[in-house]
């Protein structure tokens, strides 16, 4: 098991729109991305995190190069971000 964590700086007024992007692409992610097992939206006062579960870390890295991520997700989120996202991949020990 591996996790892809993407931390997003999203202003309060843009959070509903960002959550809409998450909802729109959650099902396509789970259905079409190899190794995708889960996707959760975590909200804090200071940022928003999207936690993606994968079978392997390699599949998590491959998702970052997919059209779904690069065109759809990034395209939808880019105008809502206050800073560049932080991206981390973790292997479960």
PDB file of N, CA and C in Angstrom:
ATOM      1  N   UNK A   1       0.849  -1.178   0.000  1.00  0.00           N
ATOM      2  CA  UNK A   1       0.000   0.000   0.000  1.00  0.00           C
ATOM      3  C   UNK A   1       0.893   1.239   0.000  1.00  0.00           C
ATOM      4  N   UNK A   2       0.437   2.260  -0.713  1.00  0.00           N
ATOM      5  CA  UNK A   2       1.158   3.526  -0.794  1.00  0.00           C
ATOM      6  C   UNK A   2       0.138   4.667  -0.798  1.00  0.00           C
ATOM      7  N   UNK A   3       0.606   5.836  -0.388  1.00  0.00           N
ATOM      8  CA  UNK A   3      -0.254   7.014  -0.377  1.00  0.00           C
ATOM      9  C   UNK A   3       0.398   8.156  -1.133  1.00  0.00           C
ATOM     10  N   UNK A   4      -0.418   8.868  -1.876  1.00  0.00           N
ATOM     11  CA  UNK A   4      -0.042  10.119  -2.520  1.00  0.00           C
ATOM     12  C   UNK A   4      -0.789  11.208  -1.763  1.00  0.00           C
ATOM     13  N   UNK A   5      -0.039  12.121  -1.171  1.00  0.00           N
ATOM     14  CA  UNK A   5      -0.631  13.225  -0.412  1.00  0.00           C
ATOM     15  C   UNK A   5      -0.345  14.516  -1.165  1.00  0.00           C
ATOM     16  N   UNK A   6      -1.399  15.239  -1.488  1.00  0.00           N
ATOM     17  CA  UNK A   6      -1.253  16.523  -2.159  1.00  0.00           C
ATOM     18  C   UNK A   6      -1.865  17.585  -1.245  1.00  0.00           C
ATOM     19  N   UNK A   7      -1.026  18.524  -0.814  1.00  0.00           N
ATOM     20  CA  UNK A   7      -1.476  19.595   0.070  1.00  0.00           C
ATOM     21  C   UNK A   7      -1.677  20.855  -0.757  1.00  0.00           C
ATOM     22  N   UNK A   8      -2.854  21.447  -0.620  1.00  0.00           N
ATOM     23  CA  UNK A   8      -3.253  22.597  -1.426  1.00  0.00           C
ATOM     24  C   UNK A   8      -3.558  23.795  -0.540  1.00  0.00           C
ATOM     25  N   UNK A   9      -2.997  24.924  -0.894  1.00  0.00           N
ATOM     26  CA  UNK A   9      -3.341  26.190  -0.231  1.00  0.00           C
ATOM     27  C   UNK A   9      -4.500  26.791  -1.019  1.00  0.00           C
ATOM     28  N   UNK A  10      -5.676  26.766  -0.401  1.00  0.00           N
ATOM     29  CA  UNK A  10      -6.887  27.257  -1.052  1.00  0.00           C
ATOM     30  C   UNK A  10      -7.556  28.255  -0.113  1.00  0.00           C
ATOM     31  N   UNK A  11      -7.791  29.465  -0.597  1.00  0.00           N
ATOM     32  CA  UNK A  11      -8.457  30.489   0.208  1.00  0.00           C
ATOM     33  C   UNK A  11      -9.871  30.021   0.565  1.00  0.00           C
ATOM     34  N   UNK A  12     -10.345  30.486   1.687  1.00  0.00           N
ATOM     35  CA  UNK A  12     -11.669  30.101   2.194  1.00  0.00           C
ATOM     36  C   UNK A  12     -12.754  30.263   1.123  1.00  0.00           C
ATOM     37  N   UNK A  13     -12.704  31.360   0.389  1.00  0.00           N
ATOM     38  CA  UNK A  13     -13.750  31.621  -0.606  1.00  0.00           C
ATOM     39  C   UNK A  13     -13.690  30.671  -1.810  1.00  0.00           C
ATOM     40  N   UNK A  14     -12.575  29.942  -1.971  1.00  0.00           N
ATOM     41  CA  UNK A  14     -12.443  29.009  -3.098  1.00  0.00           C
ATOM     42  C   UNK A  14     -12.606  27.538  -2.692  1.00  0.00           C
ATOM     43  N   UNK A  15     -12.855  27.282  -1.421  1.00  0.00           N
ATOM     44  CA  UNK A  15     -12.899  25.894  -0.952  1.00  0.00           C
ATOM     45  C   UNK A  15     -14.085  25.105  -1.496  1.00  0.00           C
ATOM     46  N   UNK A  16     -15.225  25.727  -1.646  1.00  0.00           N
ATOM     47  CA  UNK A  16     -16.381  25.007  -2.199  1.00  0.00           C
ATOM     48  C   UNK A  16     -16.086  24.594  -3.635  1.00  0.00           C
ATOM     49  N   UNK A  17     -15.490  25.474  -4.414  1.00  0.00           N
ATOM     50  CA  UNK A  17     -15.136  25.149  -5.797  1.00  0.00           C
ATOM     51  C   UNK A  17     -14.082  24.049  -5.844  1.00  0.00           C
ATOM     52  N   UNK A  18     -13.095  24.096  -4.945  1.00  0.00           N
ATOM     53  CA  UNK A  18     -12.063  23.051  -4.899  1.00  0.00           C
ATOM     54  C   UNK A  18     -12.674  21.701  -4.524  1.00  0.00           C
ATOM     55  N   UNK A  19     -13.601  21.707  -3.583  1.00  0.00           N
ATOM     56  CA  UNK A  19     -14.289  20.463  -3.210  1.00  0.00           C
ATOM     57  C   UNK A  19     -15.093  19.928  -4.386  1.00  0.00           C
ATOM     58  N   UNK A  20     -15.612  20.810  -5.217  1.00  0.00           N
ATOM     59  CA  UNK A  20     -16.335  20.383  -6.420  1.00  0.00           C
ATOM     60  C   UNK A  20     -15.432  19.661  -7.402  1.00  0.00           C
ATOM     61  N   UNK A  21     -14.192  20.139  -7.550  1.00  0.00           N
ATOM     62  CA  UNK A  21     -13.222  19.465  -8.419  1.00  0.00           C
ATOM     63  C   UNK A  21     -12.920  18.081  -7.857  1.00  0.00           C
ATOM     64  N   UNK A  22     -12.724  18.002  -6.548  1.00  0.00           N
ATOM     65  CA  UNK A  22     -12.489  16.707  -5.896  1.00  0.00           C
ATOM     66  C   UNK A  22     -13.640  15.742  -6.192  1.00  0.00           C
ATOM     67  N   UNK A  23     -14.877  16.172  -5.972  1.00  0.00           N
ATOM     68  CA  UNK A  23     -16.043  15.307  -6.186  1.00  0.00           C
ATOM     69  C   UNK A  23     -16.178  14.887  -7.652  1.00  0.00           C
ATOM     70  N   UNK A  24     -15.934  15.811  -8.552  1.00  0.00           N
ATOM     71  CA  UNK A  24     -16.084  15.531  -9.982  1.00  0.00           C
ATOM     72  C   UNK A  24     -15.149  14.423 -10.457  1.00  0.00           C
ATOM     73  N   UNK A  25     -13.918  14.392  -9.937  1.00  0.00           N
ATOM     74  CA  UNK A  25     -12.925  13.449 -10.446  1.00  0.00           C
ATOM     75  C   UNK A  25     -12.642  12.268  -9.517  1.00  0.00           C
ATOM     76  N   UNK A  26     -13.340  12.180  -8.386  1.00  0.00           N
ATOM     77  CA  UNK A  26     -13.111  11.047  -7.467  1.00  0.00           C
ATOM     78  C   UNK A  26     -13.463   9.720  -8.133  1.00  0.00           C
ATOM     79  N   UNK A  27     -14.654   9.614  -8.676  1.00  0.00           N
ATOM     80  CA  UNK A  27     -15.085   8.345  -9.294  1.00  0.00           C
ATOM     81  C   UNK A  27     -14.221   7.969 -10.502  1.00  0.00           C
ATOM     82  N   UNK A  28     -13.958   8.896 -11.438  1.00  0.00           N
ATOM     83  CA  UNK A  28     -13.060   8.536 -12.549  1.00  0.00           C
ATOM     84  C   UNK A  28     -11.681   8.080 -12.064  1.00  0.00           C
ATOM     85  N   UNK A  29     -11.170   8.692 -11.001  1.00  0.00           N
ATOM     86  CA  UNK A  29      -9.892   8.266 -10.422  1.00  0.00           C
ATOM     87  C   UNK A  29      -9.983   6.816  -9.965  1.00  0.00           C
ATOM     88  N   UNK A  30     -10.993   6.504  -9.184  1.00  0.00           N
ATOM     89  CA  UNK A  30     -11.122   5.156  -8.618  1.00  0.00           C
ATOM     90  C   UNK A  30     -11.383   4.094  -9.679  1.00  0.00           C
ATOM     91  N   UNK A  31     -12.041   4.470 -10.758  1.00  0.00           N
ATOM     92  CA  UNK A  31     -12.432   3.506 -11.796  1.00  0.00           C
ATOM     93  C   UNK A  31     -11.365   3.330 -12.872  1.00  0.00           C
ATOM     94  N   UNK A  32     -10.644   4.404 -13.217  1.00  0.00           N
ATOM     95  CA  UNK A  32      -9.762   4.328 -14.389  1.00  0.00           C
ATOM     96  C   UNK A  32      -8.264   4.303 -14.096  1.00  0.00           C
ATOM     97  N   UNK A  33      -7.847   4.689 -12.908  1.00  0.00           N
ATOM     98  CA  UNK A  33      -6.406   4.783 -12.614  1.00  0.00           C
ATOM     99  C   UNK A  33      -5.904   3.456 -12.045  1.00  0.00           C
ATOM    100  N   UNK A  34      -4.923   2.834 -12.685  1.00  0.00           N
ATOM    101  CA  UNK A  34      -4.395   1.556 -12.201  1.00  0.00           C
ATOM    102  C   UNK A  34      -3.875   1.657 -10.760  1.00  0.00           C
ATOM    103  N   UNK A  35      -4.318   0.727  -9.928  1.00  0.00           N
ATOM    104  CA  UNK A  35      -3.869   0.651  -8.546  1.00  0.00           C
ATOM    105  C   UNK A  35      -4.578   1.583  -7.579  1.00  0.00           C
ATOM    106  N   UNK A  36      -5.484   2.429  -8.078  1.00  0.00           N
ATOM    107  CA  UNK A  36      -6.197   3.358  -7.201  1.00  0.00           C
ATOM    108  C   UNK A  36      -7.114   2.588  -6.260  1.00  0.00           C
ATOM    109  N   UNK A  37      -6.999   2.877  -4.961  1.00  0.00           N
ATOM    110  CA  UNK A  37      -7.806   2.186  -3.958  1.00  0.00           C
ATOM    111  C   UNK A  37      -8.703   3.116  -3.162  1.00  0.00           C
ATOM    112  N   UNK A  38      -8.285   4.369  -2.977  1.00  0.00           N
ATOM    113  CA  UNK A  38      -9.095   5.298  -2.182  1.00  0.00           C
ATOM    114  C   UNK A  38      -8.699   6.732  -2.512  1.00  0.00           C
ATOM    115  N   UNK A  39      -9.586   7.642  -2.132  1.00  0.00           N
ATOM    116  CA  UNK A  39      -9.309   9.072  -2.302  1.00  0.00           C
ATOM    117  C   UNK A  39     -10.127   9.821  -1.258  1.00  0.00           C
ATOM    118  N   UNK A  40      -9.448  10.593  -0.414  1.00  0.00           N
ATOM    119  CA  UNK A  40     -10.113  11.311   0.671  1.00  0.00           C
ATOM    120  C   UNK A  40      -9.728  12.779   0.643  1.00  0.00           C
ATOM    121  N   UNK A  41     -10.676  13.634   0.977  1.00  0.00           N
ATOM    122  CA  UNK A  41     -10.442  15.071   1.071  1.00  0.00           C
ATOM    123  C   UNK A  41     -10.359  15.431   2.551  1.00  0.00           C
ATOM    124  N   UNK A  42      -9.220  16.004   2.964  1.00  0.00           N
ATOM    125  CA  UNK A  42      -8.984  16.387   4.355  1.00  0.00           C
ATOM    126  C   UNK A  42      -8.902  17.906   4.418  1.00  0.00           C
ATOM    127  N   UNK A  43      -9.700  18.517   5.278  1.00  0.00           N
ATOM    128  CA  UNK A  43      -9.793  19.973   5.336  1.00  0.00           C
ATOM    129  C   UNK A  43      -9.322  20.469   6.708  1.00  0.00           C
ATOM    130  N   UNK A  44      -8.413  21.446   6.679  1.00  0.00           N
ATOM    131  CA  UNK A  44      -7.949  22.128   7.887  1.00  0.00           C
ATOM    132  C   UNK A  44      -8.093  23.626   7.649  1.00  0.00           C
ATOM    133  N   UNK A  45      -7.953  24.400   8.710  1.00  0.00           N
ATOM    134  CA  UNK A  45      -8.026  25.858   8.552  1.00  0.00           C
ATOM    135  C   UNK A  45      -6.946  26.373   7.615  1.00  0.00           C
ATOM    136  N   UNK A  46      -5.740  25.805   7.701  1.00  0.00           N
ATOM    137  CA  UNK A  46      -4.606  26.329   6.946  1.00  0.00           C
ATOM    138  C   UNK A  46      -4.454  25.765   5.535  1.00  0.00           C
ATOM    139  N   UNK A  47      -5.053  24.596   5.248  1.00  0.00           N
ATOM    140  CA  UNK A  47      -4.933  24.023   3.904  1.00  0.00           C
ATOM    141  C   UNK A  47      -5.936  22.899   3.708  1.00  0.00           C
ATOM    142  N   UNK A  48      -5.882  22.331   2.518  1.00  0.00           N
ATOM    143  CA  UNK A  48      -6.708  21.187   2.147  1.00  0.00           C
ATOM    144  C   UNK A  48      -5.760  20.113   1.637  1.00  0.00           C
ATOM    145  N   UNK A  49      -5.995  18.877   2.033  1.00  0.00           N
ATOM    146  CA  UNK A  49      -5.167  17.778   1.545  1.00  0.00           C
ATOM    147  C   UNK A  49      -6.045  16.759   0.848  1.00  0.00           C
ATOM    148  N   UNK A  50      -5.501  16.197  -0.218  1.00  0.00           N
ATOM    149  CA  UNK A  50      -6.152  15.083  -0.883  1.00  0.00           C
ATOM    150  C   UNK A  50      -5.228  13.885  -0.692  1.00  0.00           C
ATOM    151  N   UNK A  51      -5.766  12.849  -0.065  1.00  0.00           N
ATOM    152  CA  UNK A  51      -5.004  11.648   0.234  1.00  0.00           C
ATOM    153  C   UNK A  51      -5.492  10.526  -0.677  1.00  0.00           C
ATOM    154  N   UNK A  52      -4.605  10.046  -1.541  1.00  0.00           N
ATOM    155  CA  UNK A  52      -4.922   9.000  -2.517  1.00  0.00           C
ATOM    156  C   UNK A  52      -4.264   7.699  -2.078  1.00  0.00           C
ATOM    157  N   UNK A  53      -5.005   6.613  -2.045  1.00  0.00           N
ATOM    158  CA  UNK A  53      -4.441   5.308  -1.726  1.00  0.00           C
ATOM    159  C   UNK A  53      -4.192   4.512  -2.992  1.00  0.00           C
ATOM    160  N   UNK A  54      -3.026   3.876  -3.071  1.00  0.00           N
ATOM    161  CA  UNK A  54      -2.638   3.064  -4.231  1.00  0.00           C
ATOM    162  C   UNK A  54      -2.091   1.720  -3.764  1.00  0.00           C
ATOM    163  N   UNK A  55      -2.075   0.772  -4.666  1.00  0.00           N
ATOM    164  CA  UNK A  55      -1.474  -0.521  -4.383  1.00  0.00           C
ATOM    165  C   UNK A  55       0.035  -0.370  -4.222  1.00  0.00           C
ATOM    166  N   UNK A  56       0.680   0.433  -5.082  1.00  0.00           N
ATOM    167  CA  UNK A  56       2.136   0.622  -5.025  1.00  0.00           C
ATOM    168  C   UNK A  56       2.494   2.101  -5.190  1.00  0.00           C
ATOM    169  N   UNK A  57       3.702   2.458  -4.743  1.00  0.00           N
ATOM    170  CA  UNK A  57       4.204   3.818  -4.917  1.00  0.00           C
ATOM    171  C   UNK A  57       4.417   4.140  -6.397  1.00  0.00           C
ATOM    172  N   UNK A  58       4.803   3.152  -7.179  1.00  0.00           N
ATOM    173  CA  UNK A  58       4.977   3.359  -8.615  1.00  0.00           C
ATOM    174  C   UNK A  58       3.681   3.775  -9.288  1.00  0.00           C
ATOM    175  N   UNK A  59       2.579   3.200  -8.865  1.00  0.00           N
ATOM    176  CA  UNK A  59       1.277   3.581  -9.428  1.00  0.00           C
ATOM    177  C   UNK A  59       0.913   5.006  -9.014  1.00  0.00           C
ATOM    178  N   UNK A  60       1.290   5.387  -7.801  1.00  0.00           N
ATOM    179  CA  UNK A  60       1.043   6.763  -7.354  1.00  0.00           C
ATOM    180  C   UNK A  60       1.825   7.744  -8.227  1.00  0.00           C
ATOM    181  N   UNK A  61       3.095   7.430  -8.495  1.00  0.00           N
ATOM    182  CA  UNK A  61       3.914   8.298  -9.363  1.00  0.00           C
ATOM    183  C   UNK A  61       3.331   8.358 -10.775  1.00  0.00           C
ATOM    184  N   UNK A  62       2.869   7.222 -11.279  1.00  0.00           N
ATOM    185  CA  UNK A  62       2.304   7.185 -12.632  1.00  0.00           C
ATOM    186  C   UNK A  62       1.043   8.049 -12.733  1.00  0.00           C
ATOM    187  N   UNK A  63       0.245   8.092 -11.682  1.00  0.00           N
ATOM    188  CA  UNK A  63      -0.963   8.924 -11.687  1.00  0.00           C
ATOM    189  C   UNK A  63      -0.617  10.395 -11.916  1.00  0.00           C
ATOM    190  N   UNK A  64       0.492  10.839 -11.355  1.00  0.00           N
ATOM    191  CA  UNK A  64       0.904  12.240 -11.518  1.00  0.00           C
ATOM    192  C   UNK A  64       1.200  12.595 -12.972  1.00  0.00           C
ATOM    193  N   UNK A  65       1.464  11.598 -13.805  1.00  0.00           N
ATOM    194  CA  UNK A  65       1.712  11.816 -15.235  1.00  0.00           C
ATOM    195  C   UNK A  65       0.485  11.533 -16.099  1.00  0.00           C
ATOM    196  N   UNK A  66      -0.616  11.151 -15.481  1.00  0.00           N
ATOM    197  CA  UNK A  66      -1.815  10.783 -16.247  1.00  0.00           C
ATOM    198  C   UNK A  66      -2.549  12.021 -16.764  1.00  0.00           C
ATOM    199  N   UNK A  67      -3.314  11.837 -17.819  1.00  0.00           N
ATOM    200  CA  UNK A  67      -4.132  12.925 -18.367  1.00  0.00           C
ATOM    201  C   UNK A  67      -5.191  13.360 -17.366  1.00  0.00           C
ATOM    202  N   UNK A  68      -5.764  12.413 -16.628  1.00  0.00           N
ATOM    203  CA  UNK A  68      -6.769  12.767 -15.628  1.00  0.00           C
ATOM    204  C   UNK A  68      -6.196  13.766 -14.625  1.00  0.00           C
ATOM    205  N   UNK A  69      -4.979  13.512 -14.164  1.00  0.00           N
ATOM    206  CA  UNK A  69      -4.372  14.422 -13.194  1.00  0.00           C
ATOM    207  C   UNK A  69      -3.926  15.717 -13.855  1.00  0.00           C
ATOM    208  N   UNK A  70      -3.093  15.617 -14.892  1.00  0.00           N
ATOM    209  CA  UNK A  70      -2.484  16.813 -15.494  1.00  0.00           C
ATOM    210  C   UNK A  70      -3.511  17.745 -16.142  1.00  0.00           C
ATOM    211  N   UNK A  71      -4.445  17.194 -16.881  1.00  0.00           N
ATOM    212  CA  UNK A  71      -5.390  18.033 -17.615  1.00  0.00           C
ATOM    213  C   UNK A  71      -6.628  18.373 -16.793  1.00  0.00           C
ATOM    214  N   UNK A  72      -7.255  17.362 -16.232  1.00  0.00           N
ATOM    215  CA  UNK A  72      -8.538  17.570 -15.576  1.00  0.00           C
ATOM    216  C   UNK A  72      -8.398  18.139 -14.162  1.00  0.00           C
ATOM    217  N   UNK A  73      -7.685  17.425 -13.300  1.00  0.00           N
ATOM    218  CA  UNK A  73      -7.582  17.848 -11.905  1.00  0.00           C
ATOM    219  C   UNK A  73      -6.774  19.139 -11.780  1.00  0.00           C
ATOM    220  N   UNK A  74      -5.576  19.166 -12.332  1.00  0.00           N
ATOM    221  CA  UNK A  74      -4.744  20.369 -12.237  1.00  0.00           C
ATOM    222  C   UNK A  74      -5.422  21.533 -12.954  1.00  0.00           C
ATOM    223  N   UNK A  75      -5.999  21.270 -14.103  1.00  0.00           N
ATOM    224  CA  UNK A  75      -6.699  22.320 -14.842  1.00  0.00           C
ATOM    225  C   UNK A  75      -7.846  22.927 -14.052  1.00  0.00           C
ATOM    226  N   UNK A  76      -8.582  22.083 -13.337  1.00  0.00           N
ATOM    227  CA  UNK A  76      -9.697  22.573 -12.532  1.00  0.00           C
ATOM    228  C   UNK A  76      -9.263  23.300 -11.279  1.00  0.00           C
ATOM    229  N   UNK A  77      -8.167  22.854 -10.683  1.00  0.00           N
ATOM    230  CA  UNK A  77      -7.716  23.447  -9.421  1.00  0.00           C
ATOM    231  C   UNK A  77      -6.818  24.675  -9.586  1.00  0.00           C
ATOM    232  N   UNK A  78      -6.073  24.752 -10.660  1.00  0.00           N
ATOM    233  CA  UNK A  78      -5.059  25.808 -10.826  1.00  0.00           C
ATOM    234  C   UNK A  78      -5.578  27.211 -10.508  1.00  0.00           C
ATOM    235  N   UNK A  79      -6.743  27.625 -11.011  1.00  0.00           N
ATOM    236  CA  UNK A  79      -7.181  28.994 -10.718  1.00  0.00           C
ATOM    237  C   UNK A  79      -7.597  29.207  -9.260  1.00  0.00           C
ATOM    238  N   UNK A  80      -7.722  28.135  -8.495  1.00  0.00           N
ATOM    239  CA  UNK A  80      -8.193  28.231  -7.107  1.00  0.00           C
ATOM    240  C   UNK A  80      -7.063  28.229  -6.084  1.00  0.00           C
ATOM    241  N   UNK A  81      -5.840  27.945  -6.527  1.00  0.00           N
ATOM    242  CA  UNK A  81      -4.717  27.768  -5.611  1.00  0.00           C
ATOM    243  C   UNK A  81      -4.028  29.077  -5.273  1.00  0.00           C
ATOM    244  N   UNK A  82      -3.658  29.212  -3.988  1.00  0.00           N
ATOM    245  CA  UNK A  82      -2.931  30.389  -3.526  1.00  0.00           C
ATOM    246  C   UNK A  82      -1.419  30.163  -3.551  1.00  0.00           C
ATOM    247  N   UNK A  83      -0.985  28.916  -3.763  1.00  0.00           N
ATOM    248  CA  UNK A  83       0.442  28.564  -3.818  1.00  0.00           C
ATOM    249  C   UNK A  83       0.574  27.237  -4.555  1.00  0.00           C
ATOM    250  N   UNK A  84       1.798  26.911  -4.955  1.00  0.00           N
ATOM    251  CA  UNK A  84       2.036  25.614  -5.598  1.00  0.00           C
ATOM    252  C   UNK A  84       1.715  24.489  -4.616  1.00  0.00           C
ATOM    253  N   UNK A  85       1.125  23.399  -5.098  1.00  0.00           N
ATOM    254  CA  UNK A  85       0.826  22.272  -4.211  1.00  0.00           C
ATOM    255  C   UNK A  85       2.098  21.567  -3.735  1.00  0.00           C
ATOM    256  N   UNK A  86       1.998  20.946  -2.572  1.00  0.00           N
ATOM    257  CA  UNK A  86       3.066  20.093  -2.059  1.00  0.00           C
ATOM    258  C   UNK A  86       2.641  18.652  -2.328  1.00  0.00           C
ATOM    259  N   UNK A  87       3.534  17.879  -2.952  1.00  0.00           N
ATOM    260  CA  UNK A  87       3.215  16.511  -3.329  1.00  0.00           C
ATOM    261  C   UNK A  87       4.196  15.564  -2.627  1.00  0.00           C
ATOM    262  N   UNK A  88       3.624  14.550  -1.944  1.00  0.00           N
ATOM    263  CA  UNK A  88       4.460  13.549  -1.265  1.00  0.00           C
ATOM    264  C   UNK A  88       3.883  12.167  -1.536  1.00  0.00           C
ATOM    265  N   UNK A  89       4.786  11.191  -1.678  1.00  0.00           N
ATOM    266  CA  UNK A  89       4.386   9.790  -1.831  1.00  0.00           C
ATOM    267  C   UNK A  89       4.990   8.998  -0.681  1.00  0.00           C
ATOM    268  N   UNK A  90       4.152   8.192  -0.044  1.00  0.00           N
ATOM    269  CA  UNK A  90       4.568   7.386   1.098  1.00  0.00           C
ATOM    270  C   UNK A  90       4.309   5.916   0.807  1.00  0.00           C
ATOM    271  N   UNK A  91       5.255   5.054   1.203  1.00  0.00           N
ATOM    272  CA  UNK A  91       5.032   3.614   1.246  1.00  0.00           C
ATOM    273  C   UNK A  91       4.611   3.249   2.659  1.00  0.00           C
ATOM    274  N   UNK A  92       3.667   2.351   2.790  1.00  0.00           N
ATOM    275  CA  UNK A  92       3.267   1.872   4.104  1.00  0.00           C
ATOM    276  C   UNK A  92       4.301   0.872   4.594  1.00  0.00           C
ATOM    277  N   UNK A  93       4.789   1.073   5.803  1.00  0.00           N
ATOM    278  CA  UNK A  93       5.814   0.194   6.376  1.00  0.00           C
ATOM    279  C   UNK A  93       5.187  -1.057   6.968  1.00  0.00           C
TER     280      UNK A  93
END
